[in-house]
PDB file of N, CA and C in Angstrom:
ATOM      1  N   SER A   1     104.200  92.025 101.865  1.00  0.00           N
ATOM      2  CA  SER A   1     105.289  92.801 102.441  1.00  0.00           C
ATOM      3  C   SER A   1     106.557  92.757 101.592  1.00  0.00           C
ATOM      4  N   ASP A   2     106.667  91.797 100.665  1.00  0.00           N
ATOM      5  CA  ASP A   2     107.881  91.678  99.848  1.00  0.00           C
ATOM      6  C   ASP A   2     107.713  92.235  98.434  1.00  0.00           C
ATOM      7  N   GLY A   3     106.549  92.806  98.142  1.00  0.00           N
ATOM      8  CA  GLY A   3     106.311  93.375  96.824  1.00  0.00           C
ATOM      9  C   GLY A   3     105.745  92.409  95.806  1.00  0.00           C
ATOM     10  N   SER A   4     105.420  91.200  96.214  1.00  0.00           N
ATOM     11  CA  SER A   4     104.837  90.252  95.264  1.00  0.00           C
ATOM     12  C   SER A   4     103.323  90.443  95.203  1.00  0.00           C
ATOM     13  N   ILE A   5     102.782  90.167  94.017  1.00  0.00           N
ATOM     14  CA  ILE A   5     101.334  90.261  93.782  1.00  0.00           C
ATOM     15  C   ILE A   5     100.887  88.923  93.215  1.00  0.00           C
ATOM     16  N   ARG A   6      99.774  88.423  93.730  1.00  0.00           N
ATOM     17  CA  ARG A   6      99.234  87.150  93.253  1.00  0.00           C
ATOM     18  C   ARG A   6      97.781  87.335  92.824  1.00  0.00           C
ATOM     19  N   LEU A   7      97.446  86.753  91.696  1.00  0.00           N
ATOM     20  CA  LEU A   7      96.083  86.778  91.172  1.00  0.00           C
ATOM     21  C   LEU A   7      95.484  85.398  91.401  1.00  0.00           C
ATOM     22  N   HIS A   8      94.399  85.360  92.173  1.00  0.00           N
ATOM     23  CA  HIS A   8      93.768  84.087  92.513  1.00  0.00           C
ATOM     24  C   HIS A   8      92.402  83.940  91.865  1.00  0.00           C
ATOM     25  N   GLN A   9      92.045  82.706  91.640  1.00  0.00           N
ATOM     26  CA  GLN A   9      90.704  82.332  91.214  1.00  0.00           C
ATOM     27  C   GLN A   9      90.006  81.818  92.473  1.00  0.00           C
ATOM     28  N   MET A  10      88.735  82.141  92.622  1.00  0.00           N
ATOM     29  CA  MET A  10      88.025  81.790  93.861  1.00  0.00           C
ATOM     30  C   MET A  10      87.969  80.283  94.123  1.00  0.00           C
ATOM     31  N   THR A  11      88.119  79.455  93.109  1.00  0.00           N
ATOM     32  CA  THR A  11      87.970  78.013  93.280  1.00  0.00           C
ATOM     33  C   THR A  11      89.286  77.289  93.549  1.00  0.00           C
ATOM     34  N   SER A  12      90.393  78.030  93.676  1.00  0.00           N
ATOM     35  CA  SER A  12      91.683  77.376  93.870  1.00  0.00           C
ATOM     36  C   SER A  12      92.516  78.141  94.889  1.00  0.00           C
ATOM     37  N   GLU A  13      93.287  77.396  95.666  1.00  0.00           N
ATOM     38  CA  GLU A  13      94.178  78.039  96.621  1.00  0.00           C
ATOM     39  C   GLU A  13      95.477  78.501  95.963  1.00  0.00           C
ATOM     40  N   TYR A  14      95.740  78.033  94.751  1.00  0.00           N
ATOM     41  CA  TYR A  14      96.965  78.390  94.040  1.00  0.00           C
ATOM     42  C   TYR A  14      96.709  79.568  93.104  1.00  0.00           C
ATOM     43  N   PRO A  15      97.660  80.473  92.999  1.00  0.00           N
ATOM     44  CA  PRO A  15      97.447  81.642  92.137  1.00  0.00           C
ATOM     45  C   PRO A  15      97.439  81.287  90.655  1.00  0.00           C
ATOM     46  N   VAL A  16      96.640  82.015  89.891  1.00  0.00           N
ATOM     47  CA  VAL A  16      96.626  81.890  88.435  1.00  0.00           C
ATOM     48  C   VAL A  16      97.898  82.528  87.874  1.00  0.00           C
ATOM     49  N   MET A  17      98.258  83.675  88.444  1.00  0.00           N
ATOM     50  CA  MET A  17      99.489  84.393  88.073  1.00  0.00           C
ATOM     51  C   MET A  17     100.144  84.881  89.357  1.00  0.00           C
ATOM     52  N   GLN A  18     101.459  85.018  89.309  1.00  0.00           N
ATOM     53  CA  GLN A  18     102.186  85.580  90.440  1.00  0.00           C
ATOM     54  C   GLN A  18     103.326  86.425  89.896  1.00  0.00           C
ATOM     55  N   TRP A  19     103.432  87.637  90.420  1.00  0.00           N
ATOM     56  CA  TRP A  19     104.496  88.548  90.029  1.00  0.00           C
ATOM     57  C   TRP A  19     105.355  88.799  91.261  1.00  0.00           C
ATOM     58  N   ASN A  20     106.532  88.201  91.296  1.00  0.00           N
ATOM     59  CA  ASN A  20     107.450  88.375  92.425  1.00  0.00           C
ATOM     60  C   ASN A  20     108.204  89.688  92.276  1.00  0.00           C
ATOM     61  N   ASP A  21     108.459  90.328  93.398  1.00  0.00           N
ATOM     62  CA  ASP A  21     109.240  91.561  93.424  1.00  0.00           C
ATOM     63  C   ASP A  21     108.697  92.604  92.446  1.00  0.00           C
ATOM     64  N   SER A  22     107.392  92.696  92.342  1.00  0.00           N
ATOM     65  CA  SER A  22     106.759  93.594  91.372  1.00  0.00           C
ATOM     66  C   SER A  22     106.942  95.064  91.717  1.00  0.00           C
ATOM     67  N   THR A  23     107.338  95.364  92.957  1.00  0.00           N
ATOM     68  CA  THR A  23     107.538  96.752  93.386  1.00  0.00           C
ATOM     69  C   THR A  23     108.978  96.964  93.858  1.00  0.00           C
ATOM     70  N   ASN A  24     109.905  96.211  93.301  1.00  0.00           N
ATOM     71  CA  ASN A  24     111.319  96.291  93.695  1.00  0.00           C
ATOM     72  C   ASN A  24     111.508  96.061  95.195  1.00  0.00           C
ATOM     73  N   GLY A  25     110.728  95.152  95.744  1.00  0.00           N
ATOM     74  CA  GLY A  25     110.861  94.782  97.148  1.00  0.00           C
ATOM     75  C   GLY A  25     110.108  95.652  98.142  1.00  0.00           C
ATOM     76  N   GLN A  26     109.472  96.726  97.666  1.00  0.00           N
ATOM     77  CA  GLN A  26     108.701  97.595  98.562  1.00  0.00           C
ATOM     78  C   GLN A  26     107.366  96.926  98.899  1.00  0.00           C
ATOM     79  N   PRO A  27     106.900  97.031 100.146  1.00  0.00           N
ATOM     80  CA  PRO A  27     105.592  96.468 100.496  1.00  0.00           C
ATOM     81  C   PRO A  27     104.463  97.110  99.690  1.00  0.00           C
ATOM     82  N   VAL A  28     103.489  96.302  99.316  1.00  0.00           N
ATOM     83  CA  VAL A  28     102.302  96.802  98.619  1.00  0.00           C
ATOM     84  C   VAL A  28     101.340  97.330  99.679  1.00  0.00           C
ATOM     85  N   ILE A  29     100.974  98.606  99.563  1.00  0.00           N
ATOM     86  CA  ILE A  29     100.083  99.258 100.521  1.00  0.00           C
ATOM     87  C   ILE A  29      98.627  99.088 100.103  1.00  0.00           C
ATOM     88  N   ALA A  30      98.362  99.207  98.802  1.00  0.00           N
ATOM     89  CA  ALA A  30      96.992  99.099  98.294  1.00  0.00           C
ATOM     90  C   ALA A  30      97.028  98.530  96.885  1.00  0.00           C
ATOM     91  N   LEU A  31      95.974  97.823  96.533  1.00  0.00           N
ATOM     92  CA  LEU A  31      95.816  97.277  95.193  1.00  0.00           C
ATOM     93  C   LEU A  31      94.337  97.288  94.880  1.00  0.00           C
ATOM     94  N   GLN A  32      93.987  97.799  93.697  1.00  0.00           N
ATOM     95  CA  GLN A  32      92.575  97.855  93.339  1.00  0.00           C
ATOM     96  C   GLN A  32      92.393  97.728  91.835  1.00  0.00           C
ATOM     97  N   TRP A  33      91.364  96.977  91.446  1.00  0.00           N
ATOM     98  CA  TRP A  33      90.994  96.846  90.036  1.00  0.00           C
ATOM     99  C   TRP A  33      90.338  98.133  89.565  1.00  0.00           C
ATOM    100  N   ALA A  34      90.561  98.467  88.301  1.00  0.00           N
ATOM    101  CA  ALA A  34      89.897  99.622  87.693  1.00  0.00           C
ATOM    102  C   ALA A  34      88.403  99.357  87.654  1.00  0.00           C
ATOM    103  N   LEU A  35      87.622 100.370  87.908  1.00  0.00           N
ATOM    104  CA  LEU A  35      86.162 100.225  87.922  1.00  0.00           C
ATOM    105  C   LEU A  35      85.585 100.198  86.510  1.00  0.00           C
ATOM    106  N   THR A  36      86.302 100.759  85.555  1.00  0.00           N
ATOM    107  CA  THR A  36      85.771 100.905  84.203  1.00  0.00           C
ATOM    108  C   THR A  36      86.425  99.980  83.187  1.00  0.00           C
ATOM    109  N   ARG A  37      87.510  99.322  83.546  1.00  0.00           N
ATOM    110  CA  ARG A  37      88.232  98.443  82.617  1.00  0.00           C
ATOM    111  C   ARG A  37      88.731  97.222  83.389  1.00  0.00           C
ATOM    112  N   PRO A  38      88.095  96.078  83.240  1.00  0.00           N
ATOM    113  CA  PRO A  38      88.363  94.914  84.087  1.00  0.00           C
ATOM    114  C   PRO A  38      89.779  94.338  84.023  1.00  0.00           C
ATOM    115  N   ALA A  39      90.537  94.575  82.970  1.00  0.00           N
ATOM    116  CA  ALA A  39      91.882  93.997  82.865  1.00  0.00           C
ATOM    117  C   ALA A  39      92.964  94.886  83.484  1.00  0.00           C
ATOM    118  N   VAL A  40      92.576  96.009  84.061  1.00  0.00           N
ATOM    119  CA  VAL A  40      93.549  96.968  84.599  1.00  0.00           C
ATOM    120  C   VAL A  40      93.441  97.010  86.122  1.00  0.00           C
ATOM    121  N   PHE A  41      94.609  96.991  86.783  1.00  0.00           N
ATOM    122  CA  PHE A  41      94.622  97.231  88.219  1.00  0.00           C
ATOM    123  C   PHE A  41      95.786  98.138  88.584  1.00  0.00           C
ATOM    124  N   PHE A  42      95.680  98.737  89.762  1.00  0.00           N
ATOM    125  CA  PHE A  42      96.651  99.705  90.248  1.00  0.00           C
ATOM    126  C   PHE A  42      97.209  99.204  91.571  1.00  0.00           C
ATOM    127  N   ALA A  43      98.516  99.355  91.752  1.00  0.00           N
ATOM    128  CA  ALA A  43      99.159  98.967  93.006  1.00  0.00           C
ATOM    129  C   ALA A  43      99.945 100.167  93.536  1.00  0.00           C
ATOM    130  N   LEU A  44      99.838 100.394  94.833  1.00  0.00           N
ATOM    131  CA  LEU A  44     100.578 101.453  95.514  1.00  0.00           C
ATOM    132  C   LEU A  44     101.579 100.790  96.442  1.00  0.00           C
ATOM    133  N   ASP A  45     102.856 101.214  96.359  1.00  0.00           N
ATOM    134  CA  ASP A  45     103.850 100.647  97.267  1.00  0.00           C
ATOM    135  C   ASP A  45     104.203 101.627  98.383  1.00  0.00           C
ATOM    136  N   ALA A  46     105.013 101.175  99.323  1.00  0.00           N
ATOM    137  CA  ALA A  46     105.357 101.972 100.504  1.00  0.00           C
ATOM    138  C   ALA A  46     106.223 103.190 100.182  1.00  0.00           C
ATOM    139  N   SER A  47     106.776 103.257  98.974  1.00  0.00           N
ATOM    140  CA  SER A  47     107.596 104.405  98.568  1.00  0.00           C
ATOM    141  C   SER A  47     106.812 105.408  97.732  1.00  0.00           C
ATOM    142  N   SER A  48     105.472 105.320  97.764  1.00  0.00           N
ATOM    143  CA  SER A  48     104.573 106.228  97.035  1.00  0.00           C
ATOM    144  C   SER A  48     104.701 106.102  95.520  1.00  0.00           C
ATOM    145  N   ASN A  49     104.958 104.890  95.053  1.00  0.00           N
ATOM    146  CA  ASN A  49     104.942 104.597  93.619  1.00  0.00           C
ATOM    147  C   ASN A  49     103.627 103.921  93.275  1.00  0.00           C
ATOM    148  N   ILE A  50     103.027 104.347  92.178  1.00  0.00           N
ATOM    149  CA  ILE A  50     101.804 103.713  91.696  1.00  0.00           C
ATOM    150  C   ILE A  50     102.153 102.957  90.425  1.00  0.00           C
ATOM    151  N   TYR A  51     101.811 101.687  90.401  1.00  0.00           N
ATOM    152  CA  TYR A  51     102.064 100.824  89.244  1.00  0.00           C
ATOM    153  C   TYR A  51     100.738 100.556  88.565  1.00  0.00           C
ATOM    154  N   ILE A  52     100.722 100.708  87.248  1.00  0.00           N
ATOM    155  CA  ILE A  52      99.517 100.432  86.470  1.00  0.00           C
ATOM    156  C   ILE A  52      99.768  99.153  85.683  1.00  0.00           C
ATOM    157  N   TRP A  53      98.883  98.198  85.889  1.00  0.00           N
ATOM    158  CA  TRP A  53      98.955  96.915  85.191  1.00  0.00           C
ATOM    159  C   TRP A  53      97.782  96.821  84.229  1.00  0.00           C
ATOM    160  N   ASP A  54      98.051  96.541  82.969  1.00  0.00           N
ATOM    161  CA  ASP A  54      97.008  96.270  81.979  1.00  0.00           C
ATOM    162  C   ASP A  54      97.303  94.882  81.429  1.00  0.00           C
ATOM    163  N   LEU A  55      96.569  93.899  81.915  1.00  0.00           N
ATOM    164  CA  LEU A  55      96.850  92.507  81.578  1.00  0.00           C
ATOM    165  C   LEU A  55      96.605  92.185  80.109  1.00  0.00           C
ATOM    166  N   LEU A  56      95.818  93.009  79.411  1.00  0.00           N
ATOM    167  CA  LEU A  56      95.621  92.796  77.982  1.00  0.00           C
ATOM    168  C   LEU A  56      96.815  93.303  77.169  1.00  0.00           C
ATOM    169  N   GLU A  57      97.532  94.266  77.727  1.00  0.00           N
ATOM    170  CA  GLU A  57      98.704  94.825  77.036  1.00  0.00           C
ATOM    171  C   GLU A  57      99.986  94.069  77.395  1.00  0.00           C
ATOM    172  N   ASN A  58     100.157  93.764  78.682  1.00  0.00           N
ATOM    173  CA  ASN A  58     101.352  93.061  79.141  1.00  0.00           C
ATOM    174  C   ASN A  58     101.014  92.361  80.447  1.00  0.00           C
ATOM    175  N   ASP A  59     101.123  91.043  80.472  1.00  0.00           N
ATOM    176  CA  ASP A  59     100.794  90.326  81.707  1.00  0.00           C
ATOM    177  C   ASP A  59     102.036  89.937  82.516  1.00  0.00           C
ATOM    178  N   LEU A  60     103.203  90.462  82.120  1.00  0.00           N
ATOM    179  CA  LEU A  60     104.431  90.175  82.850  1.00  0.00           C
ATOM    180  C   LEU A  60     104.923  91.333  83.704  1.00  0.00           C
ATOM    181  N   LEU A  61     104.670  92.566  83.243  1.00  0.00           N
ATOM    182  CA  LEU A  61     105.180  93.760  83.914  1.00  0.00           C
ATOM    183  C   LEU A  61     104.127  94.849  83.921  1.00  0.00           C
ATOM    184  N   PRO A  62     104.246  95.809  84.835  1.00  0.00           N
ATOM    185  CA  PRO A  62     103.332  96.958  84.781  1.00  0.00           C
ATOM    186  C   PRO A  62     103.571  97.747  83.493  1.00  0.00           C
ATOM    187  N   VAL A  63     102.516  98.360  82.975  1.00  0.00           N
ATOM    188  CA  VAL A  63     102.643  99.156  81.753  1.00  0.00           C
ATOM    189  C   VAL A  63     103.081 100.582  82.057  1.00  0.00           C
ATOM    190  N   ALA A  64     102.968 100.998  83.314  1.00  0.00           N
ATOM    191  CA  ALA A  64     103.394 102.345  83.701  1.00  0.00           C
ATOM    192  C   ALA A  64     103.674 102.375  85.198  1.00  0.00           C
ATOM    193  N   LYS A  65     104.520 103.340  85.562  1.00  0.00           N
ATOM    194  CA  LYS A  65     104.841 103.570  86.969  1.00  0.00           C
ATOM    195  C   LYS A  65     104.866 105.077  87.174  1.00  0.00           C
ATOM    196  N   GLN A  66     104.206 105.537  88.222  1.00  0.00           N
ATOM    197  CA  GLN A  66     104.177 106.964  88.538  1.00  0.00           C
ATOM    198  C   GLN A  66     104.600 107.139  89.988  1.00  0.00           C
ATOM    199  N   THR A  67     105.616 107.959  90.207  1.00  0.00           N
ATOM    200  CA  THR A  67     106.058 108.268  91.561  1.00  0.00           C
ATOM    201  C   THR A  67     105.391 109.558  92.011  1.00  0.00           C
ATOM    202  N   ILE A  68     104.846 109.548  93.206  1.00  0.00           N
ATOM    203  CA  ILE A  68     104.250 110.748  93.790  1.00  0.00           C
ATOM    204  C   ILE A  68     105.355 111.396  94.629  1.00  0.00           C
ATOM    205  N   PRO A  69     105.928 112.499  94.156  1.00  0.00           N
ATOM    206  CA  PRO A  69     107.155 113.018  94.754  1.00  0.00           C
ATOM    207  C   PRO A  69     107.008 113.798  96.057  1.00  0.00           C
ATOM    208  N   SER A  70     105.884 114.402  96.315  1.00  0.00           N
ATOM    209  CA  SER A  70     105.795 115.299  97.473  1.00  0.00           C
ATOM    210  C   SER A  70     105.677 114.510  98.773  1.00  0.00           C
ATOM    211  N   GLU A  71     104.506 114.458  99.367  1.00  0.00           N
ATOM    212  CA  GLU A  71     104.314 113.755 100.630  1.00  0.00           C
ATOM    213  C   GLU A  71     104.093 112.258 100.383  1.00  0.00           C
ATOM    214  N   LYS A  72     104.300 111.496 101.443  1.00  0.00           N
ATOM    215  CA  LYS A  72     104.103 110.053 101.366  1.00  0.00           C
ATOM    216  C   LYS A  72     102.622 109.726 101.202  1.00  0.00           C
ATOM    217  N   VAL A  73     102.305 108.845 100.244  1.00  0.00           N
ATOM    218  CA  VAL A  73     100.929 108.397 100.025  1.00  0.00           C
ATOM    219  C   VAL A  73     100.687 107.187 100.922  1.00  0.00           C
ATOM    220  N   VAL A  74      99.623 107.250 101.747  1.00  0.00           N
ATOM    221  CA  VAL A  74      99.356 106.179 102.710  1.00  0.00           C
ATOM    222  C   VAL A  74      98.139 105.334 102.347  1.00  0.00           C
ATOM    223  N   ALA A  75      97.315 105.814 101.414  1.00  0.00           N
ATOM    224  CA  ALA A  75      96.139 105.047 101.000  1.00  0.00           C
ATOM    225  C   ALA A  75      95.740 105.463  99.591  1.00  0.00           C
ATOM    226  N   MET A  76      95.066 104.549  98.893  1.00  0.00           N
ATOM    227  CA  MET A  76      94.628 104.797  97.523  1.00  0.00           C
ATOM    228  C   MET A  76      93.253 104.165  97.316  1.00  0.00           C
ATOM    229  N   ALA A  77      92.397 104.863  96.592  1.00  0.00           N
ATOM    230  CA  ALA A  77      91.102 104.319  96.190  1.00  0.00           C
ATOM    231  C   ALA A  77      90.831 104.804  94.775  1.00  0.00           C
ATOM    232  N   LEU A  78      89.954 104.102  94.079  1.00  0.00           N
ATOM    233  CA  LEU A  78      89.593 104.509  92.727  1.00  0.00           C
ATOM    234  C   LEU A  78      88.169 105.007  92.705  1.00  0.00           C
ATOM    235  N   LEU A  79      87.927 105.963  91.800  1.00  0.00           N
ATOM    236  CA  LEU A  79      86.566 106.434  91.613  1.00  0.00           C
ATOM    237  C   LEU A  79      86.247 106.404  90.130  1.00  0.00           C
ATOM    238  N   GLY A  80      85.007 106.146  89.834  1.00  0.00           N
ATOM    239  CA  GLY A  80      84.551 106.058  88.450  1.00  0.00           C
ATOM    240  C   GLY A  80      83.148 105.501  88.420  1.00  0.00           C
ATOM    241  N   GLU A  81      82.546 105.576  87.255  1.00  0.00           N
ATOM    242  CA  GLU A  81      81.193 105.067  87.084  1.00  0.00           C
ATOM    243  C   GLU A  81      81.196 104.015  85.978  1.00  0.00           C
ATOM    244  N   PRO A  82      81.296 102.736  86.353  1.00  0.00           N
ATOM    245  CA  PRO A  82      81.408 101.681  85.347  1.00  0.00           C
ATOM    246  C   PRO A  82      80.204 101.581  84.411  1.00  0.00           C
ATOM    247  N   GLU A  83      79.047 102.068  84.852  1.00  0.00           N
ATOM    248  CA  GLU A  83      77.856 101.973  84.004  1.00  0.00           C
ATOM    249  C   GLU A  83      77.829 103.036  82.915  1.00  0.00           C
ATOM    250  N   LYS A  84      78.702 104.033  83.001  1.00  0.00           N
ATOM    251  CA  LYS A  84      78.769 105.073  81.980  1.00  0.00           C
ATOM    252  C   LYS A  84      79.899 104.773  81.004  1.00  0.00           C
ATOM    253  N   ALA A  85      79.685 105.055  79.742  1.00  0.00           N
ATOM    254  CA  ALA A  85      80.648 104.717  78.691  1.00  0.00           C
ATOM    255  C   ALA A  85      81.743 105.770  78.510  1.00  0.00           C
ATOM    256  N   ASN A  86      81.756 106.821  79.347  1.00  0.00           N
ATOM    257  CA  ASN A  86      82.759 107.872  79.159  1.00  0.00           C
ATOM    258  C   ASN A  86      84.163 107.444  79.596  1.00  0.00           C
ATOM    259  N   GLY A  87      84.283 106.358  80.347  1.00  0.00           N
ATOM    260  CA  GLY A  87      85.582 105.846  80.744  1.00  0.00           C
ATOM    261  C   GLY A  87      86.334 106.723  81.717  1.00  0.00           C
ATOM    262  N   LEU A  88      85.643 107.567  82.459  1.00  0.00           N
ATOM    263  CA  LEU A  88      86.293 108.447  83.423  1.00  0.00           C
ATOM    264  C   LEU A  88      86.693 107.638  84.657  1.00  0.00           C
ATOM    265  N   LEU A  89      87.978 107.693  85.004  1.00  0.00           N
ATOM    266  CA  LEU A  89      88.497 106.941  86.139  1.00  0.00           C
ATOM    267  C   LEU A  89      89.498 107.812  86.875  1.00  0.00           C
ATOM    268  N   GLY A  90      89.378 107.878  88.188  1.00  0.00           N
ATOM    269  CA  GLY A  90      90.282 108.703  88.973  1.00  0.00           C
ATOM    270  C   GLY A  90      90.886 107.938  90.129  1.00  0.00           C
ATOM    271  N   LEU A  91      92.054 108.386  90.546  1.00  0.00           N
ATOM    272  CA  LEU A  91      92.731 107.852  91.721  1.00  0.00           C
ATOM    273  C   LEU A  91      92.601 108.863  92.849  1.00  0.00           C
ATOM    274  N   VAL A  92      92.161 108.412  93.993  1.00  0.00           N
ATOM    275  CA  VAL A  92      92.104 109.249  95.181  1.00  0.00           C
ATOM    276  C   VAL A  92      93.273 108.819  96.054  1.00  0.00           C
ATOM    277  N   LEU A  93      94.167 109.755  96.321  1.00  0.00           N
ATOM    278  CA  LEU A  93      95.370 109.457  97.093  1.00  0.00           C
ATOM    279  C   LEU A  93      95.332 110.208  98.419  1.00  0.00           C
ATOM    280  N   ALA A  94      95.499 109.488  99.514  1.00  0.00           N
ATOM    281  CA  ALA A  94      95.581 110.106 100.836  1.00  0.00           C
ATOM    282  C   ALA A  94      97.050 110.210 101.210  1.00  0.00           C
ATOM    283  N   LYS A  95      97.472 111.431 101.520  1.00  0.00           N
ATOM    284  CA  LYS A  95      98.878 111.668 101.840  1.00  0.00           C
ATOM    285  C   LYS A  95      99.062 111.780 103.352  1.00  0.00           C
ATOM    286  N   GLU A  96     100.276 111.529 103.797  1.00  0.00           N
ATOM    287  CA  GLU A  96     100.574 111.443 105.233  1.00  0.00           C
ATOM    288  C   GLU A  96     100.140 112.671 106.039  1.00  0.00           C
ATOM    289  N   PRO A  97     100.337 113.897 105.562  1.00  0.00           N
ATOM    290  CA  PRO A  97      99.895 115.023 106.398  1.00  0.00           C
ATOM    291  C   PRO A  97      98.376 115.224 106.426  1.00  0.00           C
ATOM    292  N   GLY A  98      97.618 114.335 105.764  1.00  0.00           N
ATOM    293  CA  GLY A  98      96.163 114.450 105.785  1.00  0.00           C
ATOM    294  C   GLY A  98      95.560 115.039 104.527  1.00  0.00           C
ATOM    295  N   GLN A  99      96.362 115.319 103.524  1.00  0.00           N
ATOM    296  CA  GLN A  99      95.851 115.858 102.269  1.00  0.00           C
ATOM    297  C   GLN A  99      95.260 114.749 101.403  1.00  0.00           C
ATOM    298  N   ILE A 100      94.259 115.122 100.610  1.00  0.00           N
ATOM    299  CA  ILE A 100      93.654 114.221  99.638  1.00  0.00           C
ATOM    300  C   ILE A 100      93.930 114.790  98.257  1.00  0.00           C
ATOM    301  N   ASP A 101      94.376 113.943  97.347  1.00  0.00           N
ATOM    302  CA  ASP A 101      94.696 114.352  95.986  1.00  0.00           C
ATOM    303  C   ASP A 101      93.915 113.448  95.037  1.00  0.00           C
ATOM    304  N   ILE A 102      93.296 114.035  94.018  1.00  0.00           N
ATOM    305  CA  ILE A 102      92.579 113.257  93.012  1.00  0.00           C
ATOM    306  C   ILE A 102      93.282 113.450  91.680  1.00  0.00           C
ATOM    307  N   GLN A 103      93.652 112.332  91.043  1.00  0.00           N
ATOM    308  CA  GLN A 103      94.293 112.376  89.734  1.00  0.00           C
ATOM    309  C   GLN A 103      93.492 111.509  88.785  1.00  0.00           C
ATOM    310  N   TYR A 104      93.276 112.011  87.577  1.00  0.00           N
ATOM    311  CA  TYR A 104      92.527 111.249  86.585  1.00  0.00           C
ATOM    312  C   TYR A 104      93.475 110.409  85.741  1.00  0.00           C
ATOM    313  N   VAL A 105      93.024 109.221  85.373  1.00  0.00           N
ATOM    314  CA  VAL A 105      93.805 108.254  84.636  1.00  0.00           C
ATOM    315  C   VAL A 105      93.610 108.467  83.139  1.00  0.00           C
ATOM    316  N   LYS A 106      94.675 108.235  82.365  1.00  0.00           N
ATOM    317  CA  LYS A 106      94.594 108.348  80.913  1.00  0.00           C
ATOM    318  C   LYS A 106      93.482 107.448  80.374  1.00  0.00           C
ATOM    319  N   LYS A 107      92.843 107.902  79.307  1.00  0.00           N
ATOM    320  CA  LYS A 107      91.727 107.164  78.707  1.00  0.00           C
ATOM    321  C   LYS A 107      92.091 105.742  78.313  1.00  0.00           C
ATOM    322  N   LYS A 108      93.337 105.524  77.859  1.00  0.00           N
ATOM    323  CA  LYS A 108      93.709 104.180  77.396  1.00  0.00           C
ATOM    324  C   LYS A 108      93.674 103.136  78.510  1.00  0.00           C
ATOM    325  N   TRP A 109      93.772 103.566  79.777  1.00  0.00           N
ATOM    326  CA  TRP A 109      93.678 102.639  80.903  1.00  0.00           C
ATOM    327  C   TRP A 109      92.314 102.709  81.589  1.00  0.00           C
ATOM    328  N   ALA A 110      91.445 103.612  81.135  1.00  0.00           N
ATOM    329  CA  ALA A 110      90.161 103.794  81.797  1.00  0.00           C
ATOM    330  C   ALA A 110      88.970 103.398  80.921  1.00  0.00           C
ATOM    331  N   SER A 111      89.115 103.493  79.608  1.00  0.00           N
ATOM    332  CA  SER A 111      87.982 103.219  78.716  1.00  0.00           C
ATOM    333  C   SER A 111      87.648 101.728  78.700  1.00  0.00           C
ATOM    334  N   PRO A 112      86.357 101.423  78.736  1.00  0.00           N
ATOM    335  CA  PRO A 112      85.941 100.010  78.710  1.00  0.00           C
ATOM    336  C   PRO A 112      86.323  99.317  77.405  1.00  0.00           C
TER     337      PRO A 112
END
């Protein structure tokens, strides 16, 4: 609820990494690892901002932030086929009035 993100290892109760205030204090609504690139994850905050984290590029801050300007985004899921080498990765965004939007991610964050 405070915008912090913690990365845990299954064998420890303490986080391996913790990013405080990673969304400028906005609650994190959804967080999901990329299906095609294991070091990348996406976070959606309550203000409809999507943060892209690539831990191989920068493990302190998100590498990109995208604001969805129209309707409020209430849910996020990723789609892709990890067994295929094409690196195609998409974000499925559910907006408040019931619309579904699919956006494809740049190859540099999707390619294995």
